[in-house]
Protein backbone atom coordinates (compact mmCIF):
# COMPACT_ATOMS: atom_id res chain seq x y z
CA MET A 1 -20.10 -14.18 2.11
CA PRO A 2 -18.58 -11.53 -0.20
CA ALA A 3 -15.25 -9.87 -0.13
CA TYR A 4 -14.46 -6.32 0.93
CA ALA A 5 -11.49 -4.37 -0.38
CA VAL A 6 -9.51 -1.66 1.44
CA ILE A 7 -7.61 0.47 -1.05
CA GLY A 8 -5.47 3.55 -0.71
CA GLY A 9 -6.88 6.60 -2.45
CA GLN A 10 -3.80 8.75 -2.45
CA TRP A 11 -0.18 8.12 -2.93
CA GLY A 12 0.07 5.46 -0.21
CA ASP A 13 0.74 5.88 3.52
CA GLU A 14 -3.06 6.64 4.12
CA GLY A 15 -3.31 4.54 7.25
CA LYS A 16 -4.51 1.32 5.74
CA GLY A 17 -2.71 -0.72 8.33
CA LYS A 18 -4.77 0.70 11.11
CA VAL A 19 -8.07 0.39 9.21
CA ILE A 20 -7.39 -3.24 8.03
CA ASP A 21 -6.44 -4.19 11.73
CA TYR A 22 -9.77 -2.61 12.82
CA LEU A 23 -11.91 -4.35 10.21
CA ALA A 24 -10.00 -7.57 10.65
CA GLY A 25 -11.86 -8.05 13.99
CA GLN A 26 -14.88 -8.52 11.81
CA SER A 27 -13.30 -10.82 9.33
CA ASP A 28 -12.23 -14.35 8.90
CA CYS A 29 -9.43 -13.82 6.56
CA VAL A 30 -7.13 -10.91 5.39
CA VAL A 31 -5.50 -11.20 1.97
CA ARG A 32 -2.62 -9.06 0.48
CA TYR A 33 -3.07 -8.89 -3.21
CA ALA A 34 -0.20 -6.70 -4.62
CA GLY A 35 3.09 -5.01 -4.00
CA GLY A 36 5.96 -6.27 -1.78
CA ASN A 37 7.91 -5.12 1.18
CA ASN A 38 8.10 -1.62 -0.19
CA ALA A 39 4.61 -1.42 1.64
CA GLY A 40 4.80 -0.37 5.20
CA HIS A 41 1.59 -0.87 7.39
CA THR A 42 1.48 0.20 10.97
CA VAL A 43 -0.71 -1.47 13.42
CA VAL A 44 -1.18 -0.33 16.96
CA ASN A 45 -3.13 -2.49 19.46
CA GLU A 46 -3.02 -3.73 23.11
CA ARG A 47 0.11 -5.64 22.34
CA GLY A 48 2.03 -2.57 21.07
CA GLU A 49 2.98 -1.11 17.75
CA PHE A 50 3.79 -3.45 14.66
CA GLN A 51 5.44 -2.47 11.43
CA LEU A 52 4.27 -4.93 8.86
CA HIS A 53 5.65 -5.06 5.24
CA LEU A 54 4.42 -8.38 3.93
CA VAL A 55 2.30 -10.06 6.54
CA PRO A 56 -1.38 -9.11 6.21
CA SER A 57 -2.37 -6.59 8.84
CA GLY A 58 -4.99 -8.82 10.45
CA ILE A 59 -2.27 -11.03 11.89
CA CYS A 60 -2.79 -9.80 15.38
CA TRP A 61 -6.30 -11.20 15.72
CA PRO A 62 -6.52 -14.74 16.88
CA GLY A 63 -8.32 -17.01 14.47
CA VAL A 64 -7.96 -14.73 11.43
CA THR A 65 -6.32 -16.33 8.42
CA GLY A 66 -3.67 -14.23 6.66
CA ILE A 67 -2.89 -14.99 3.00
CA ILE A 68 -0.16 -13.38 0.72
CA GLY A 69 -1.61 -13.63 -2.86
CA ASN A 70 -0.12 -14.37 -6.24
CA GLY A 71 -0.01 -10.66 -7.17
CA VAL A 72 2.59 -9.94 -4.33
CA VAL A 73 6.43 -10.10 -4.97
CA VAL A 74 7.99 -11.86 -1.89
CA ASN A 75 11.43 -11.27 -0.42
CA PRO A 76 11.67 -14.53 1.59
CA HIS A 77 14.28 -13.03 3.96
CA VAL A 78 12.06 -10.18 4.88
CA LEU A 79 9.08 -12.40 5.26
CA LEU A 80 10.74 -14.88 7.45
CA GLY A 81 12.24 -12.22 9.62
CA GLU A 82 8.94 -10.45 9.98
CA ILE A 83 7.30 -13.83 10.98
CA SER A 84 10.07 -14.45 13.61
CA GLY A 85 9.57 -10.92 15.01
CA LEU A 86 5.88 -11.56 15.46
CA GLU A 87 6.35 -14.87 17.05
CA GLU A 88 8.91 -13.42 19.50
CA ARG A 89 6.14 -11.02 20.59
CA GLY A 90 3.52 -13.64 20.97
CA ILE A 91 1.71 -13.38 17.79
CA ASP A 92 0.36 -16.73 16.29
CA THR A 93 1.39 -16.97 12.62
CA SER A 94 0.34 -20.56 12.16
CA ARG A 95 -2.54 -19.34 10.05
CA LEU A 96 -0.44 -17.44 7.60
CA PHE A 97 -0.01 -18.79 4.04
CA VAL A 98 1.84 -17.78 0.88
CA SER A 99 0.75 -18.29 -2.78
CA ASP A 100 2.80 -20.78 -4.67
CA ARG A 101 2.28 -18.43 -7.70
CA ALA A 102 3.80 -15.34 -5.95
CA HIS A 103 7.14 -14.29 -7.47
CA VAL A 104 10.31 -14.23 -5.36
CA ILE A 105 12.45 -11.09 -5.01
CA MET A 106 16.09 -12.38 -5.64
CA PRO A 107 19.31 -10.67 -4.42
CA TYR A 108 20.04 -9.58 -7.98
CA HIS A 109 16.70 -7.76 -8.15
CA ILE A 110 17.64 -5.57 -5.24
CA LEU A 111 21.12 -4.86 -6.74
CA LEU A 112 19.56 -3.98 -10.04
CA ASP A 113 17.06 -1.72 -8.36
CA GLU A 114 19.80 0.25 -6.77
CA LEU A 115 22.05 0.38 -9.78
CA GLN A 116 19.15 1.59 -12.05
CA GLU A 117 18.06 4.29 -9.70
CA GLN A 118 21.54 5.59 -9.39
CA ALA A 119 21.89 5.70 -13.09
CA ARG A 120 18.75 7.73 -13.38
CA GLY A 121 20.58 10.57 -11.57
CA SER A 122 18.26 13.71 -11.35
CA GLY A 123 15.41 11.69 -12.98
CA ALA A 124 15.31 9.26 -10.20
CA ILE A 125 11.68 8.05 -9.52
CA GLY A 126 12.10 7.53 -5.84
CA THR A 127 12.09 3.65 -5.72
CA THR A 128 12.56 2.10 -2.27
CA GLY A 129 15.31 0.01 -3.53
CA GLN A 130 13.76 -3.22 -2.40
CA GLY A 131 13.90 -4.93 -5.79
CA ILE A 132 10.16 -4.64 -6.38
CA GLY A 133 10.30 -3.26 -10.01
CA PRO A 134 13.05 -5.73 -11.26
CA ALA A 135 11.04 -8.66 -9.74
CA TYR A 136 7.87 -7.61 -11.61
CA ILE A 137 9.87 -7.12 -14.80
CA ASP A 138 11.01 -10.61 -14.61
CA LYS A 139 7.51 -11.73 -13.91
CA VAL A 140 6.22 -10.17 -17.04
CA SER A 141 9.16 -11.17 -19.25
CA ARG A 142 8.63 -14.73 -17.96
CA ASP A 143 12.12 -15.12 -16.47
CA GLY A 144 10.90 -14.99 -12.73
CA ILE A 145 11.20 -17.49 -9.87
CA ARG A 146 7.97 -18.24 -8.08
CA VAL A 147 7.60 -19.33 -4.44
CA GLY A 148 6.40 -22.76 -5.56
CA ASP A 149 9.69 -23.13 -7.39
CA LEU A 150 11.59 -22.96 -4.20
CA LEU A 151 10.16 -26.32 -3.18
CA ASP A 152 11.68 -28.02 -6.05
CA THR A 153 15.46 -27.35 -5.72
CA ALA A 154 16.73 -30.65 -7.02
CA GLU A 155 15.12 -30.64 -10.59
CA GLN A 156 14.66 -27.44 -12.73
CA LEU A 157 15.53 -24.64 -10.11
CA PRO A 158 19.35 -25.01 -10.39
CA ASP A 159 19.35 -24.53 -14.16
CA ARG A 160 16.85 -21.74 -13.97
CA VAL A 161 18.86 -19.92 -11.25
CA GLN A 162 22.04 -20.38 -13.30
CA ALA A 163 20.41 -19.06 -16.41
CA ALA A 164 18.85 -15.93 -14.50
CA VAL A 165 22.22 -15.12 -12.78
CA ASP A 166 24.17 -15.40 -16.13
CA MET A 167 21.67 -12.89 -17.79
CA LYS A 168 21.63 -10.50 -14.89
CA ASN A 169 25.43 -10.43 -14.41
CA ARG A 170 25.82 -9.32 -18.01
CA VAL A 171 23.62 -6.32 -17.27
CA ILE A 172 25.06 -5.61 -13.77
CA THR A 173 28.70 -5.68 -15.01
CA GLY A 174 28.32 -4.62 -18.66
CA VAL A 175 25.72 -1.86 -18.28
CA TYR A 176 26.30 -0.55 -14.72
CA GLY A 177 29.78 -1.62 -13.96
CA GLY A 178 28.64 -3.43 -10.71
CA GLU A 179 29.89 -6.62 -9.05
CA PRO A 180 28.55 -9.91 -10.34
CA VAL A 181 26.49 -12.06 -8.08
CA ASP A 182 27.14 -15.76 -7.34
CA ALA A 183 24.76 -18.43 -8.63
CA ASP A 184 25.66 -21.03 -6.19
CA GLU A 185 25.11 -18.64 -3.28
CA ILE A 186 21.70 -17.64 -4.56
CA LEU A 187 20.82 -21.40 -5.10
CA GLU A 188 21.77 -22.17 -1.57
CA LEU A 189 19.50 -19.35 -0.36
CA CYS A 190 16.65 -20.74 -2.46
CA ARG A 191 17.13 -24.04 -0.75
CA GLN A 192 16.98 -22.52 2.66
CA TRP A 193 13.98 -20.36 1.75
CA GLY A 194 12.11 -23.29 0.25
CA GLU A 195 12.55 -25.47 3.43
CA GLN A 196 11.38 -22.59 5.79
CA LEU A 197 8.45 -21.62 3.69
CA ARG A 198 7.30 -25.05 2.79
CA PRO A 199 4.69 -25.43 5.52
CA MET A 200 2.82 -22.14 4.43
CA VAL A 201 2.91 -22.48 0.69
CA ARG A 202 -0.44 -23.11 -0.85
CA PRO A 203 -2.62 -22.55 -4.01
CA THR A 204 -4.13 -19.48 -2.35
CA GLU A 205 -6.43 -18.62 -5.12
CA GLN A 206 -8.24 -21.81 -4.36
CA MET A 207 -8.18 -21.04 -0.66
CA VAL A 208 -9.81 -17.65 -1.09
CA GLN A 209 -12.43 -19.12 -3.35
CA ASP A 210 -13.21 -21.90 -0.85
CA LEU A 211 -13.42 -19.39 1.98
CA LEU A 212 -15.96 -17.35 0.09
CA GLU A 213 -17.97 -20.39 -0.72
CA GLN A 214 -18.00 -21.31 2.85
CA GLY A 215 -19.54 -17.99 3.80
CA LYS A 216 -16.36 -16.58 5.38
CA ARG A 217 -15.67 -12.79 5.47
CA VAL A 218 -12.56 -12.00 3.36
CA LEU A 219 -10.91 -8.57 3.64
CA LEU A 220 -8.69 -7.65 0.75
CA GLU A 221 -5.63 -5.58 1.70
CA GLY A 222 -4.16 -3.12 -0.77
CA ALA A 223 -0.59 -1.72 -0.54
CA GLN A 224 0.49 1.74 -1.76
CA GLY A 225 -2.22 3.84 -3.28
CA THR A 226 -4.26 4.38 -6.34
CA LEU A 227 -2.20 7.31 -7.50
CA LEU A 228 0.87 5.02 -7.69
CA ASP A 229 -0.81 2.42 -9.74
CA VAL A 230 1.32 1.43 -12.80
CA ASP A 231 -1.57 1.95 -15.15
CA HIS A 232 -3.71 4.72 -13.46
CA GLY A 233 -1.20 6.69 -11.36
CA SER A 234 1.16 9.66 -12.11
CA TYR A 235 3.28 7.70 -14.41
CA PRO A 236 6.39 7.12 -14.43
CA PHE A 237 6.45 8.16 -10.77
CA VAL A 238 4.54 4.97 -9.73
CA THR A 239 4.98 1.65 -8.28
CA SER A 240 5.32 -1.60 -10.43
CA SER A 241 1.99 -3.12 -9.43
CA SER A 242 -1.78 -2.35 -9.54
CA PRO A 243 -2.78 -1.21 -5.99
CA SER A 244 -6.21 -0.40 -7.34
CA ILE A 245 -9.35 -2.68 -7.41
CA GLY A 246 -8.17 -4.29 -10.62
CA GLY A 247 -5.05 -5.63 -8.85
CA ALA A 248 -7.02 -7.29 -6.29
CA ILE A 249 -8.92 -9.38 -8.86
CA THR A 250 -5.83 -10.49 -10.77
CA GLY A 251 -3.62 -10.60 -7.57
CA LEU A 252 -5.86 -13.17 -5.95
CA GLY A 253 -7.67 -14.96 -8.80
CA LEU A 254 -10.87 -13.56 -7.55
CA ASP A 255 -14.32 -13.49 -9.15
CA PRO A 256 -15.14 -9.77 -9.34
CA ARG A 257 -18.73 -10.57 -8.55
CA SER A 258 -17.64 -11.59 -5.04
CA ILE A 259 -16.56 -8.00 -4.11
CA LYS A 260 -19.52 -6.29 -2.28
CA GLY A 261 -17.73 -3.34 -0.87
CA VAL A 262 -14.61 -1.16 -1.90
CA LEU A 263 -13.42 1.05 0.83
CA GLY A 264 -11.12 4.04 -0.17
CA VAL A 265 -8.66 5.23 2.64
CA PHE A 266 -7.72 8.99 2.64
CA LYS A 267 -5.66 11.11 4.89
CA ALA A 268 -7.46 14.21 6.10
CA TYR A 269 -4.47 15.98 4.05
CA SER A 270 -2.08 14.71 1.42
CA THR A 271 1.36 13.12 1.49
CA ARG A 272 3.71 11.68 -0.90
CA VAL A 273 7.16 9.94 -0.86
CA GLY A 274 9.71 10.35 -3.69
CA GLY A 275 9.56 12.17 -6.81
CA GLY A 276 6.58 13.07 -9.11
CA PRO A 277 4.01 15.95 -9.19
CA MET A 278 1.87 16.66 -6.16
CA PRO A 279 -0.26 19.88 -6.85
CA THR A 280 -1.12 20.58 -3.21
CA GLU A 281 2.43 20.26 -1.71
CA MET A 282 3.11 22.74 1.01
CA HIS A 283 6.54 24.32 1.05
CA GLY A 284 8.47 26.29 3.68
CA GLN A 285 7.72 26.42 7.34
CA ALA A 286 4.09 25.45 7.00
CA GLY A 287 5.06 22.18 5.31
CA GLU A 288 7.67 21.48 7.87
CA ASP A 289 5.33 22.09 10.75
CA LEU A 290 2.72 19.72 9.46
CA ARG A 291 5.28 17.12 8.63
CA GLU A 292 6.85 17.15 12.19
CA LYS A 293 3.35 17.43 13.90
CA ALA A 294 2.19 14.23 12.00
CA HIS A 295 5.63 12.49 12.08
CA GLU A 296 5.43 12.01 8.38
CA TYR A 297 8.32 9.66 7.70
CA GLY A 298 8.22 6.50 5.59
CA THR A 299 7.65 3.22 7.55
CA THR A 300 9.78 1.32 5.00
CA THR A 301 12.42 3.90 4.14
CA GLY A 302 12.35 6.46 6.90
CA ARG A 303 12.35 9.17 4.21
CA ALA A 304 10.53 12.47 4.92
CA ARG A 305 7.07 12.54 3.33
CA ARG A 306 6.06 15.53 1.20
CA VAL A 307 2.89 17.08 2.72
CA GLY A 308 -0.03 19.11 1.47
CA TRP A 309 -3.63 20.09 1.63
CA PHE A 310 -6.36 17.40 0.83
CA ASP A 311 -6.72 17.12 -3.06
CA ALA A 312 -10.30 16.40 -3.95
CA VAL A 313 -9.59 16.37 -7.70
CA ALA A 314 -7.25 13.49 -7.12
CA ALA A 315 -9.54 11.86 -4.64
CA ARG A 316 -12.51 11.87 -6.83
CA TYR A 317 -10.46 10.28 -9.63
CA SER A 318 -9.43 7.53 -7.28
CA ARG A 319 -13.05 6.95 -6.36
CA GLN A 320 -14.03 6.64 -10.11
CA ILE A 321 -11.20 4.26 -10.78
CA ASN A 322 -11.99 1.85 -7.91
CA GLY A 323 -15.78 2.29 -7.52
CA PHE A 324 -15.57 3.18 -3.87
CA THR A 325 -18.70 2.25 -1.95
CA GLY A 326 -17.42 4.25 1.04
CA ILE A 327 -14.34 6.18 2.35
CA VAL A 328 -12.33 6.25 5.42
CA LEU A 329 -10.77 9.55 6.53
CA THR A 330 -7.70 9.09 8.67
CA ARG A 331 -5.48 11.49 10.77
CA LEU A 332 -8.22 14.04 11.12
CA ASP A 333 -6.73 14.77 14.50
CA ILE A 334 -3.55 16.09 13.00
CA LEU A 335 -5.57 19.18 11.80
CA ASP A 336 -6.64 20.12 15.29
CA GLY A 337 -5.74 23.56 16.32
CA MET A 338 -5.34 25.03 12.76
CA PRO A 339 -7.06 28.34 12.41
CA ASP A 340 -8.25 27.39 8.82
CA VAL A 341 -8.00 24.39 6.56
CA LYS A 342 -7.94 24.11 2.78
CA ILE A 343 -9.27 21.69 0.18
CA CYS A 344 -8.19 21.69 -3.47
CA VAL A 345 -11.36 21.80 -5.53
CA GLY A 346 -9.78 22.22 -8.94
CA TYR A 347 -6.57 22.79 -10.87
CA ARG A 348 -5.31 25.60 -13.15
CA ALA A 349 -2.76 25.17 -15.74
CA ASP A 350 -1.77 27.15 -18.85
CA GLY A 351 -4.64 29.60 -18.18
CA LYS A 352 -7.38 26.88 -18.24
CA ASP A 353 -9.32 25.43 -15.31
CA LEU A 354 -9.29 21.55 -14.88
CA ASP A 355 -11.56 19.50 -12.78
CA ARG A 356 -10.07 16.20 -13.64
CA PHE A 357 -6.82 14.39 -12.77
CA PRO A 358 -4.68 14.53 -15.99
CA ALA A 359 -2.90 11.47 -17.30
CA ASN A 360 -0.15 13.60 -18.69
CA THR A 361 2.34 13.98 -15.73
CA THR A 362 4.05 17.08 -17.43
CA LEU A 363 0.65 18.85 -17.39
CA LEU A 364 0.02 17.67 -13.72
CA GLU A 365 3.32 19.18 -12.84
CA ARG A 366 2.13 22.58 -14.18
CA CYS A 367 -1.25 22.43 -12.19
CA GLU A 368 -1.79 24.95 -9.72
CA PRO A 369 -4.41 24.11 -6.93
CA VAL A 370 -7.61 25.95 -6.60
CA TYR A 371 -8.30 26.02 -2.98
CA GLU A 372 -11.38 26.41 -1.00
CA LYS A 373 -10.73 27.75 2.57
CA MET A 374 -12.77 26.52 5.55
CA PRO A 375 -12.62 27.45 9.15
CA GLY A 376 -10.55 25.10 11.29
CA TRP A 377 -11.20 23.92 14.80
CA MET A 378 -9.55 24.49 18.08
CA GLU A 379 -11.27 21.63 20.09
CA PRO A 380 -9.55 18.29 19.90
CA THR A 381 -10.80 15.47 17.60
CA ALA A 382 -8.07 13.13 18.90
CA SER A 383 -9.43 9.80 20.31
CA ALA A 384 -13.00 10.62 19.48
CA THR A 385 -15.11 7.51 19.07
CA ARG A 386 -18.56 9.02 18.22
CA ALA A 387 -19.39 11.61 15.37
CA GLU A 388 -21.17 13.83 17.83
CA GLN A 389 -17.93 14.23 19.72
CA LEU A 390 -16.39 16.08 16.63
CA PRO A 391 -16.29 19.93 16.65
CA ALA A 392 -18.84 21.41 14.14
CA ASN A 393 -16.14 22.75 11.94
CA ALA A 394 -14.32 19.41 11.72
CA LEU A 395 -17.64 17.66 10.88
CA ALA A 396 -18.26 20.30 8.19
CA TYR A 397 -14.75 19.62 6.81
CA VAL A 398 -15.52 15.82 6.56
CA LYS A 399 -18.87 16.64 4.90
CA ARG A 400 -17.33 18.79 2.35
CA ILE A 401 -14.81 16.09 1.45
CA GLU A 402 -17.62 13.67 1.15
CA SER A 403 -19.38 16.02 -1.31
CA LEU A 404 -16.34 16.65 -3.42
CA VAL A 405 -15.19 12.97 -3.58
CA GLY A 406 -18.71 11.79 -4.19
CA CYS A 407 -18.65 9.07 -1.33
CA ASP A 408 -19.68 8.96 2.21
CA ALA A 409 -17.30 8.58 4.97
CA GLN A 410 -17.89 5.29 6.76
CA ILE A 411 -15.00 5.36 9.19
CA ILE A 412 -13.15 8.37 10.67
CA SER A 413 -9.81 7.63 12.31
CA THR A 414 -8.89 9.92 15.22
CA GLY A 415 -5.75 8.31 16.41
CA PRO A 416 -3.28 5.37 15.68
CA SER A 417 -4.94 2.74 17.87
CA ARG A 418 -7.96 0.69 17.20
CA GLU A 419 -10.06 2.28 19.79
CA GLU A 420 -9.49 5.80 18.33
CA THR A 421 -12.03 5.11 15.56
CA ILE A 422 -15.42 6.53 14.71
CA ALA A 423 -17.48 3.82 12.82
CA ILE A 424 -20.27 5.74 11.20
CA GLU A 425 -21.48 2.76 9.29
CA GLN A 426 -20.97 -1.01 9.59
CA ILE A 427 -18.67 -2.08 6.65
CA ILE A 428 -18.54 -5.95 6.87
CA ARG A 429 -21.97 -7.51 7.19
């Protein structure tokens, strides 16, 4: 069986958790491939609401294997707490596994993240402060500690932790004036984490390959969104990993030929957390009203999200980067009751029209959206489960987005729960 990827097409927070939970019922395995606990995926089902940060969003389905791949950076404290919370609510986590190659977020990563963001002052990039960036820095500079290393606390790990702490303390105290961390305390944490994680640590790239060879259905779970990709997003206001399709291949050790479908998830409008340009951002009362109606606050940080109209220029760019074979449109119901709706069909900057998403962030900041206005709909789309239940104007809005993005909608989400879903086309076959 081939693999199917679910990827955020905007700046994250598109509703991937709901989509993955919905599709997990047709899958054998759900695999996270990038990011860390800066991600926040919300799942709503018959058991209630779950806020997931590291555990794959298919965990609530019995018999579905969950895998955290090598491209993820893992905070063991957060992961173990998340597992404990799931088990307390009756969720079986015995089929959850973690890559031995995944890098560990250490306490000094979190401290450095906070100190670095404070030092940026007005130029802060809006990091979540979870230590994600510093952990990826250590991975690339070959100074990181991997999950598999936690299982070997008697041999090389003590010396490696001591060396890492000595180096980090020179930066923490000398550059930022912070308090040093204690190597012995961190080593003891590593010992505790290693013992608790030991039963679930595996060479997950081999697991995924074996599952595919056995004809199992594998769902690849992206975190954040394409416009936050460290290579392809609005740099430097990006995350530290590759949420796009390239990250799925390297973050799992996956043969790219095994991926049959790539599903892009988009909100019916736009949101963004933190700094960075957002051409369609709504200011004033209109933006406040939409934020409150949609309750647009971060799952991980609680920060208010910036909101705006749907940006088809950015969405088309995401489709091109990832090769989307279909899209999912979420939160269509939030636009219910609006007299008219807008779609950004182009940008205008420095007296010139642009129809492509620019790599230059300074240019993107100067871009003014060119809007196409469409009539809204007064009838509700909330909880609809069939396309024919949608008001004509809502369906026209969906069709226009399809045309502009260059990809058909295969799923429309009309509410937070699994049942509030219009499946236009079967995704996983």
